[in-house]
Protein backbone atom coordinates (compact mmCIF):
# COMPACT_ATOMS: atom_id res chain seq x y z
CA MET A 1 0.00 0.00 0.00
CA GLY A 2 2.95 2.32 0.43
CA GLU A 3 4.05 4.19 3.54
CA LEU A 4 1.49 7.03 3.48
CA ILE A 5 -2.27 7.32 3.13
CA LEU A 6 -3.27 8.67 -0.28
CA LEU A 7 -6.50 10.24 -1.47
CA ALA A 8 -6.93 7.12 -3.59
CA HIS A 9 -7.35 5.10 -0.39
CA GLY A 10 -10.73 6.82 -0.01
CA SER A 11 -11.86 6.46 -3.61
CA GLY A 12 -13.87 3.27 -3.13
CA GLY A 13 -11.71 1.40 -5.61
CA GLY A 14 -8.84 -1.05 -5.35
CA GLN A 15 -6.77 1.08 -2.98
CA THR A 16 -9.72 1.38 -0.60
CA HIS A 17 -10.34 -2.34 -0.63
CA ARG A 18 -6.69 -3.10 0.06
CA LEU A 19 -6.67 -0.61 2.94
CA ILE A 20 -9.77 -2.17 4.48
CA GLU A 21 -8.47 -5.71 4.07
CA GLN A 22 -4.88 -5.15 5.16
CA VAL A 23 -5.36 -2.61 7.96
CA PHE A 24 -8.90 -2.96 9.30
CA ARG A 25 -10.33 -6.39 8.59
CA ARG A 26 -7.08 -8.19 9.39
CA ARG A 27 -7.18 -6.75 12.94
CA LEU A 28 -10.91 -6.50 13.57
CA ASP A 29 -12.07 -9.67 11.81
CA ASN A 30 -15.40 -11.21 12.84
CA GLN A 31 -18.34 -12.90 11.14
CA PHE A 32 -20.24 -9.63 10.70
CA LEU A 33 -17.41 -7.67 9.09
CA ARG A 34 -16.77 -10.60 6.77
CA GLN A 35 -20.26 -10.21 5.29
CA GLY A 36 -19.08 -7.02 3.57
CA ASP A 37 -22.60 -5.58 3.25
CA ASP A 38 -23.77 -1.98 3.64
CA ALA A 39 -25.20 -2.69 7.09
CA ALA A 40 -24.51 -5.30 9.72
CA VAL A 41 -27.46 -7.55 10.51
CA LEU A 42 -26.99 -8.53 14.14
CA PRO A 43 -28.54 -11.09 16.49
CA PHE A 44 -29.87 -10.15 19.88
CA PRO A 45 -28.49 -12.16 22.83
CA ALA A 46 -29.92 -15.67 22.82
CA LYS A 47 -31.58 -15.30 26.24
CA LEU A 48 -32.94 -11.76 26.00
CA GLU A 49 -35.25 -11.27 28.97
CA GLU A 50 -38.67 -9.71 28.64
CA GLY A 51 -38.48 -6.03 29.51
CA ALA A 52 -34.85 -5.62 28.41
CA ARG A 53 -34.15 -2.40 26.52
CA LEU A 54 -31.72 -1.28 23.84
CA ALA A 55 -29.06 1.34 24.65
CA PHE A 56 -27.49 3.25 21.76
CA THR A 57 -24.81 5.94 21.81
CA THR A 58 -22.49 7.76 19.43
CA ASP A 59 -19.37 9.85 19.89
CA SER A 60 -16.64 11.51 17.80
CA PHE A 61 -12.97 11.76 18.73
CA VAL A 62 -10.62 14.53 17.62
CA VAL A 63 -7.89 14.33 20.29
CA THR A 64 -4.52 15.87 19.59
CA PRO A 65 -1.91 14.47 19.65
CA LEU A 66 -3.09 11.12 18.30
CA PHE A 67 -0.72 9.22 20.61
CA PHE A 68 -0.16 9.91 24.30
CA ARG A 69 1.13 8.05 27.33
CA GLY A 70 -1.52 5.50 28.28
CA GLY A 71 -3.32 5.33 24.95
CA ASN A 72 -4.12 6.79 21.57
CA ILE A 73 -7.16 7.99 19.65
CA GLY A 74 -8.15 4.41 18.78
CA LYS A 75 -8.21 3.13 22.34
CA LEU A 76 -9.96 6.32 23.40
CA ALA A 77 -12.72 5.86 20.81
CA VAL A 78 -13.57 2.35 21.96
CA CYS A 79 -13.36 3.12 25.68
CA GLY A 80 -15.39 6.30 25.39
CA THR A 81 -18.28 4.57 23.62
CA VAL A 82 -18.19 1.42 25.77
CA ASN A 83 -18.24 3.59 28.90
CA ASP A 84 -21.21 5.63 27.69
CA LEU A 85 -23.16 2.39 27.43
CA ALA A 86 -21.86 0.98 30.71
CA VAL A 87 -22.92 3.98 32.78
CA GLN A 88 -26.49 3.44 31.61
CA GLY A 89 -26.27 -0.02 33.11
CA ALA A 90 -26.08 -1.60 29.64
CA GLU A 91 -24.02 -4.58 28.55
CA PRO A 92 -22.11 -3.28 25.49
CA LEU A 93 -22.33 -5.60 22.48
CA TYR A 94 -21.49 -3.96 19.16
CA LEU A 95 -19.60 -0.93 17.85
CA SER A 96 -19.43 0.87 14.54
CA LEU A 97 -16.21 2.57 13.41
CA GLY A 98 -16.08 5.62 11.15
CA MET A 99 -12.62 6.90 10.16
CA ILE A 100 -11.84 10.24 8.49
CA ILE A 101 -8.16 10.03 7.59
CA GLU A 102 -5.91 12.82 6.38
CA GLU A 103 -3.87 12.32 3.24
CA GLY A 104 -0.25 11.80 4.23
CA LEU A 105 -0.89 9.97 7.50
CA PRO A 106 1.76 7.24 7.84
CA VAL A 107 0.19 3.83 7.31
CA ALA A 108 2.19 2.60 10.31
CA ASP A 109 0.38 5.15 12.52
CA LEU A 110 -2.98 3.99 11.22
CA GLU A 111 -2.02 0.39 11.96
CA ARG A 112 -1.08 1.31 15.54
CA ILE A 113 -4.45 3.01 15.99
CA VAL A 114 -6.41 0.05 14.62
CA GLU A 115 -4.40 -2.36 16.78
CA ALA A 116 -5.37 -0.28 19.82
CA ILE A 117 -9.02 -0.41 18.72
CA ALA A 118 -8.84 -4.19 18.44
CA ALA A 119 -7.16 -4.57 21.85
CA ALA A 120 -9.64 -2.29 23.65
CA ALA A 121 -12.62 -3.99 21.99
CA ALA A 122 -11.29 -7.39 23.02
CA GLU A 123 -10.83 -6.25 26.62
CA ALA A 124 -14.37 -4.84 26.70
CA GLY A 125 -15.84 -7.95 25.06
CA VAL A 126 -17.41 -6.02 22.17
CA GLN A 127 -17.20 -6.45 18.40
CA VAL A 128 -16.67 -3.80 15.72
CA VAL A 129 -19.33 -4.94 13.25
CA THR A 130 -19.54 -2.17 10.66
CA GLY A 131 -17.56 0.85 9.59
CA ASP A 132 -16.67 3.47 7.01
CA THR A 133 -13.41 5.01 5.81
CA LYS A 134 -12.95 8.39 4.16
CA VAL A 135 -9.76 10.21 3.15
CA VAL A 136 -9.57 14.01 2.96
CA GLU A 137 -6.89 16.32 1.58
CA ARG A 138 -3.69 17.02 3.43
CA GLY A 139 -4.27 19.60 6.18
CA LYS A 140 -8.02 18.91 6.47
CA ALA A 141 -8.25 16.36 9.31
CA ASP A 142 -5.25 16.68 11.64
CA GLY A 143 -4.23 13.06 11.09
CA VAL A 144 -7.43 11.16 11.77
CA TYR A 145 -10.86 11.71 13.28
CA ILE A 146 -12.93 8.78 14.53
CA ASN A 147 -16.65 8.31 15.10
CA THR A 148 -17.89 5.29 17.03
CA SER A 149 -21.43 4.26 17.82
CA GLY A 150 -22.34 1.54 20.27
CA VAL A 151 -25.27 -0.76 21.01
CA GLY A 152 -25.94 -2.56 24.27
CA ILE A 153 -28.69 -4.21 26.27
CA VAL A 154 -30.12 -2.88 29.55
CA PRO A 155 -31.53 -5.70 31.72
CA PRO A 156 -35.18 -5.47 32.77
CA GLY A 157 -35.84 -3.52 35.94
CA ARG A 158 -32.56 -1.61 35.87
CA ARG A 159 -33.13 2.14 36.21
CA ILE A 160 -30.00 4.28 36.16
CA GLY A 161 -29.91 7.89 35.06
CA GLY A 162 -28.96 11.43 35.94
CA ALA A 163 -32.43 12.23 37.28
CA GLU A 164 -32.42 9.39 39.84
CA ALA A 165 -30.32 10.89 42.70
CA ARG A 166 -32.15 11.32 46.02
CA PRO A 167 -31.33 13.35 49.17
CA GLY A 168 -29.23 11.27 51.52
CA ASP A 169 -27.53 9.29 48.73
CA THR A 170 -23.79 8.75 48.81
CA VAL A 171 -21.46 10.03 46.06
CA LEU A 172 -18.40 7.95 45.14
CA VAL A 173 -15.71 8.10 42.48
CA SER A 174 -13.71 5.11 41.24
CA GLY A 175 -10.23 6.68 41.44
CA GLY A 176 -7.88 9.60 40.98
CA LEU A 177 -8.96 12.53 38.85
CA GLY A 178 -7.39 14.46 35.98
CA GLU A 179 -4.95 11.86 34.68
CA HIS A 180 -6.19 11.85 31.08
CA ALA A 181 -6.25 15.62 30.70
CA LEU A 182 -2.77 16.11 32.12
CA ALA A 183 -1.29 13.23 30.11
CA VAL A 184 -2.63 14.64 26.84
CA LEU A 185 -1.57 18.18 27.72
CA SER A 186 1.93 17.00 28.65
CA GLU A 187 2.32 15.23 25.30
CA ARG A 188 0.91 18.20 23.40
CA ALA A 189 3.10 20.79 25.07
CA GLY A 190 6.23 18.66 25.42
CA LEU A 191 6.13 18.87 29.21
CA SER A 192 7.85 16.36 31.43
CA TRP A 193 7.36 15.71 35.11
CA GLU A 194 9.29 13.96 37.82
CA THR A 195 6.50 11.35 37.87
CA PRO A 196 5.31 10.64 34.29
CA LEU A 197 1.58 11.18 33.79
CA ALA A 198 -0.39 8.55 31.88
CA SER A 199 -4.00 8.63 30.70
CA ASP A 200 -6.49 6.55 32.69
CA CYS A 201 -8.25 5.56 29.44
CA ALA A 202 -9.94 2.19 30.04
CA PRO A 203 -13.18 0.29 29.30
CA LEU A 204 -15.29 0.34 32.46
CA ASN A 205 -18.05 -2.15 31.66
CA GLY A 206 -16.38 -4.87 33.74
CA LEU A 207 -16.05 -2.54 36.71
CA VAL A 208 -19.68 -1.43 36.39
CA LYS A 209 -20.90 -5.03 36.12
CA GLN A 210 -19.05 -5.92 39.33
CA LEU A 211 -20.41 -2.81 41.06
CA LEU A 212 -24.03 -3.50 40.13
CA ALA A 213 -23.77 -7.12 41.24
CA SER A 214 -22.91 -5.90 44.76
CA ALA A 215 -24.98 -2.70 44.81
CA PRO A 216 -27.99 -3.22 42.51
CA GLY A 217 -29.71 -0.12 43.84
CA VAL A 218 -27.15 2.30 42.37
CA ARG A 219 -29.08 5.28 41.06
CA VAL A 220 -26.62 7.25 38.91
CA LEU A 221 -23.47 6.38 36.98
CA ARG A 222 -21.51 8.89 34.91
CA ASP A 223 -18.06 9.00 33.35
CA PRO A 224 -16.61 12.45 34.13
CA THR A 225 -14.99 13.23 30.78
CA ARG A 226 -14.95 16.79 29.41
CA GLY A 227 -15.57 19.25 32.25
CA GLY A 228 -14.43 16.70 34.82
CA LEU A 229 -16.02 15.76 38.13
CA ALA A 230 -17.41 19.21 38.94
CA THR A 231 -19.28 19.60 35.66
CA THR A 232 -20.60 16.04 35.79
CA LEU A 233 -22.02 16.55 39.29
CA ASN A 234 -23.61 19.85 38.26
CA GLU A 235 -25.42 17.98 35.49
CA ILE A 236 -26.63 15.31 37.92
CA ALA A 237 -27.77 17.91 40.49
CA ALA A 238 -29.73 19.78 37.82
CA GLN A 239 -31.34 16.64 36.40
CA SER A 240 -32.32 15.30 39.83
CA LYS A 241 -33.26 18.70 41.29
CA VAL A 242 -31.05 18.17 44.33
CA GLY A 243 -27.91 19.62 45.85
CA ILE A 244 -24.58 17.84 46.16
CA ARG A 245 -21.97 18.49 48.85
CA LEU A 246 -18.39 17.21 48.41
CA ASP A 247 -15.55 16.78 50.86
CA GLU A 248 -12.35 18.08 49.25
CA ALA A 249 -10.10 16.02 51.54
CA ALA A 250 -11.80 12.79 50.40
CA ILE A 251 -11.45 13.36 46.64
CA PRO A 252 -8.60 11.26 45.20
CA VAL A 253 -6.07 13.25 43.18
CA SER A 254 -2.54 11.91 42.74
CA PRO A 255 0.38 14.10 43.87
CA ALA A 256 1.63 14.15 40.27
CA VAL A 257 -1.67 15.49 38.92
CA ARG A 258 -2.07 17.95 41.79
CA GLY A 259 1.46 19.27 41.29
CA ALA A 260 1.00 19.66 37.53
CA CYS A 261 -2.36 21.42 38.02
CA ASP A 262 -0.86 23.80 40.58
CA MET A 263 1.95 24.67 38.19
CA LEU A 264 -0.36 25.18 35.19
CA GLY A 265 -3.22 26.89 37.03
CA PHE A 266 -5.74 24.07 36.43
CA ASP A 267 -8.32 22.70 38.83
CA PRO A 268 -8.27 18.86 38.85
CA LEU A 269 -11.99 18.84 39.63
CA TYR A 270 -12.60 20.18 36.10
CA ALA A 271 -9.98 18.05 34.33
CA ALA A 272 -11.13 15.33 31.92
CA ASN A 273 -11.02 11.63 32.77
CA GLU A 274 -11.45 8.62 30.46
CA GLY A 275 -11.31 5.73 32.93
CA LYS A 276 -13.27 6.84 35.97
CA VAL A 277 -16.90 6.57 36.99
CA VAL A 278 -18.98 8.69 39.36
CA VAL A 279 -21.47 6.67 41.39
CA VAL A 280 -24.53 7.83 43.31
CA ALA A 281 -25.77 5.04 45.56
CA PRO A 282 -28.42 4.81 48.29
CA PRO A 283 -26.75 5.09 51.72
CA GLU A 284 -27.51 1.50 52.68
CA GLU A 285 -25.50 0.29 49.65
CA ALA A 286 -22.58 2.72 49.90
CA LYS A 287 -20.30 0.33 51.76
CA ALA A 288 -20.96 -2.51 49.31
CA ALA A 289 -20.47 -0.17 46.35
CA LEU A 290 -17.12 1.05 47.66
CA ALA A 291 -15.91 -2.50 48.31
CA ALA A 292 -16.95 -3.64 44.82
CA LEU A 293 -15.15 -0.72 43.18
CA ARG A 294 -11.96 -1.28 45.16
CA ALA A 295 -11.98 -5.00 44.32
CA HIS A 296 -11.59 -4.23 40.60
CA PRO A 297 -8.24 -3.21 39.02
CA TYR A 298 -9.78 0.00 37.66
CA GLY A 299 -11.30 0.98 41.00
CA ARG A 300 -8.55 0.36 43.54
CA GLU A 301 -8.44 4.05 44.55
CA ALA A 302 -12.22 4.45 44.83
CA ALA A 303 -13.50 6.77 47.55
CA VAL A 304 -16.66 8.15 49.09
CA ILE A 305 -16.47 11.87 48.27
CA GLY A 306 -19.78 13.41 49.29
CA GLU A 307 -23.53 13.24 49.64
CA VAL A 308 -26.71 14.32 47.94
CA THR A 309 -28.67 17.03 49.77
CA ARG A 310 -32.16 18.45 49.47
CA GLY A 311 -30.90 21.65 47.96
CA PRO A 312 -30.45 24.27 46.85
CA GLU A 313 -31.52 22.51 43.66
CA GLY A 314 -28.78 22.16 41.08
CA LEU A 315 -26.05 23.47 43.38
CA VAL A 316 -22.76 21.62 43.96
CA THR A 317 -20.64 22.78 46.88
CA LEU A 318 -17.21 21.76 48.16
CA VAL A 319 -16.21 21.68 51.82
CA THR A 320 -12.54 22.69 51.61
CA ARG A 321 -9.63 21.25 53.54
CA PHE A 322 -9.72 24.39 55.71
CA GLY A 323 -13.38 24.00 56.68
CA GLY A 324 -14.81 26.61 54.34
CA GLU A 325 -17.34 25.95 51.62
CA ARG A 326 -17.37 27.09 48.00
CA VAL A 327 -19.64 26.60 45.01
CA LEU A 328 -18.49 24.41 42.12
CA ASP A 329 -20.14 25.83 39.00
CA LEU A 330 -20.31 24.31 35.55
CA LEU A 331 -17.11 24.68 33.57
CA GLU A 332 -17.25 27.90 31.56
CA GLY A 333 -15.35 27.87 28.29
CA GLU A 334 -12.83 25.18 27.42
CA MET A 335 -10.09 24.40 29.91
CA LEU A 336 -8.31 22.13 27.44
CA PRO A 337 -9.64 21.71 23.87
CA ARG A 338 -9.23 18.57 21.74
CA ILE A 339 -9.02 16.33 24.81
CA CYS A 340 -11.06 13.43 23.38
């Protein structure tokens, strides 16, 4: 195929077919991709219970740089879509993969990205069943953009959503905050730290499954991506018409992330994450939820960080380490663009 992506690779002709066969199908092969049709015709799980529902999500990824410590745009695309399904309580099943590739991208880079897609999909237990590839002129796509859509099944009786939080509920987070944002920024700006920062990018459906087996009454799950923990909790408080109070001393932030944020003037509570989940659980299940999170490799640093209050509605507050209290508003503007 040559060393670089050409416009001809998006023409629909022989070059396109060779690209799909040699780069994509070789790494993502399954019975549905082999059909080669314009749409994948997919079976539902064999034992689909009455009352089960379909979950469907879509997301686009434009992160720069394409490669960063802890992942790349391919891994990010799979994890982001799998996690959007998982936090609805769904079992992720199938993904689509849309690639917009810039002319001149090294084929070796594209292969690394697709290998990361295959590895992340395998870890999450999902299949890439359909896709599309386009090539645009040099300078028009910043390497590659990816769109992924995902389909999953929500078991009957499971009700998880941003409007479900109740006063008295416990707020937990599955681990340290801000790692993805600071890892991407460090790569982008050529910054180095005494302790290297790596993205937390990971598929969380296994963690969520383990959590819900121990704490089936969990009311809200969210992955705090763009806008970070503070913005995510503002969204939950607004949807549920409740207040949320956090304990700053209880919120896990690694010394490396805290030091980098202090130096750069960032607040880790607003920094993006790609491998963490926020949990709102009824108080009687908080202990079981915490234990289940900590028992999973992606939740070892999980912590109880606050509680849901009766109000003021939509207001998130933080009790500081010094005993004061401040309001955590929604993120205004863009702290760090092109983060996912």
